[in-house]
Protein backbone atom coordinates (compact mmCIF):
# COMPACT_ATOMS: atom_id res chain seq x y z
CA MET A 1 48.27 32.44 -47.67
CA PRO A 2 49.76 32.95 -51.61
CA LEU A 3 52.24 35.53 -52.31
CA SER A 4 51.09 38.61 -54.59
CA ARG A 5 52.27 38.46 -58.12
CA SER A 6 54.78 41.50 -57.12
CA VAL A 7 56.69 39.57 -54.36
CA MET A 8 56.74 36.47 -56.48
CA LYS A 9 58.22 38.32 -58.88
CA GLU A 10 61.02 39.91 -56.50
CA GLU A 11 61.52 36.56 -54.97
CA GLU A 12 62.54 35.41 -58.93
CA MET A 13 64.51 38.02 -59.47
CA ASN A 14 66.64 37.37 -56.69
CA ASP A 15 67.39 33.39 -57.63
CA PRO A 16 70.85 32.88 -57.67
CA GLY A 17 69.98 30.56 -60.18
CA LYS A 18 68.98 32.57 -63.22
CA LYS A 19 71.75 34.67 -62.63
CA TYR A 20 74.37 32.21 -62.77
CA GLY A 21 72.31 30.54 -65.70
CA ALA A 22 72.94 33.86 -67.71
CA LEU A 23 76.47 34.13 -66.49
CA ALA A 24 76.91 30.66 -67.70
CA LEU A 25 75.59 30.86 -71.30
CA SER A 26 77.39 34.01 -71.92
CA LEU A 27 80.68 32.65 -70.74
CA CYS A 28 80.06 29.76 -73.15
CA LEU A 29 79.36 31.93 -76.08
CA GLY A 30 81.67 34.53 -74.94
CA GLY A 31 84.67 32.04 -74.64
CA LEU A 32 83.95 30.79 -78.33
CA LEU A 33 84.09 34.66 -79.33
CA LEU A 34 86.66 35.70 -77.91
CA ALA A 35 88.81 32.99 -78.60
CA VAL A 36 88.05 33.12 -82.49
CA LEU A 37 88.97 37.14 -82.24
CA ILE A 38 91.69 36.10 -80.30
CA GLY A 39 93.36 33.81 -83.74
CA MET A 40 92.19 35.93 -86.19
CA ILE A 41 93.82 38.99 -84.48
CA ALA A 42 97.09 37.16 -83.87
CA ARG A 43 96.72 36.09 -87.40
CA PHE A 44 96.72 39.44 -88.69
CA TYR A 45 99.57 40.63 -87.26
CA GLY A 46 101.42 37.33 -88.04
CA TYR A 47 101.81 35.51 -85.14
CA ASP A 48 100.58 32.00 -84.25
CA ALA A 49 98.03 31.91 -81.21
CA ASP A 50 96.35 28.93 -81.57
CA MET A 51 96.95 27.15 -78.45
CA PRO A 52 96.57 30.02 -76.07
CA ALA A 53 93.13 30.77 -78.18
CA TYR A 54 92.26 26.93 -77.17
CA PHE A 55 92.69 27.42 -73.74
CA ILE A 56 90.82 30.06 -73.31
CA PHE A 57 88.38 28.82 -75.35
CA LEU A 58 88.43 25.80 -72.79
CA GLY A 59 88.38 27.40 -69.76
CA PHE A 60 85.46 29.42 -70.52
CA GLN A 61 83.62 26.43 -71.75
CA ILE A 62 84.33 24.81 -68.50
CA GLY A 63 83.26 27.96 -66.39
CA GLY A 64 80.12 27.78 -68.68
CA PHE A 65 79.58 24.09 -67.88
CA VAL A 66 80.26 24.11 -63.82
CA LEU A 67 77.83 27.18 -63.50
CA GLY A 68 75.46 25.51 -65.85
CA ILE A 69 75.53 22.48 -63.61
CA VAL A 70 74.89 24.76 -60.45
CA SER A 71 71.78 26.39 -62.44
CA ARG A 72 70.59 23.44 -64.21
CA GLN A 73 67.40 23.70 -62.56
CA GLU A 74 66.59 27.11 -64.87
CA VAL A 75 66.32 26.72 -68.53
CA LEU A 76 69.43 28.81 -69.31
CA GLY A 77 71.87 26.78 -66.92
CA LYS A 78 70.80 23.93 -69.11
CA THR A 79 71.39 25.11 -72.33
CA ALA A 80 74.79 26.52 -70.97
CA TYR A 81 75.84 23.29 -69.76
CA ILE A 82 74.53 21.21 -73.19
CA THR A 83 76.12 23.69 -75.23
CA SER A 84 79.65 23.91 -73.30
CA ALA A 85 79.62 20.08 -73.12
CA VAL A 86 79.32 19.91 -76.86
CA ALA A 87 81.47 22.07 -77.78
CA GLY A 88 84.44 21.40 -75.32
CA VAL A 89 84.03 17.11 -77.00
CA LEU A 90 83.70 18.19 -80.67
CA SER A 91 87.00 20.31 -80.21
CA ILE A 92 88.34 17.77 -78.31
CA VAL A 93 87.49 15.07 -81.19
CA LEU A 94 88.70 17.74 -84.15
CA LEU A 95 92.01 18.10 -82.62
CA SER A 96 92.83 14.34 -82.33
């Protein structure tokens, strides 16, 4: 017996994979913006906060990568773990 459209939408909305995928992508992009913002504000006030901003960036990227792996069946999850992996690896390559 096929489910009605409303029941299917409720099941899709209650799927934790979609929530984790959106959260993973938010962590990935939010960590990038937060690190840039911290670096810019610290420079404005004359402080050197490059490494703390970088560690915040890496922490958010690792969180986004892990949640992206958990929700890799969803489009947002795949996007999150690919984006966070590329950003993390590129940042390490650029620092060395």
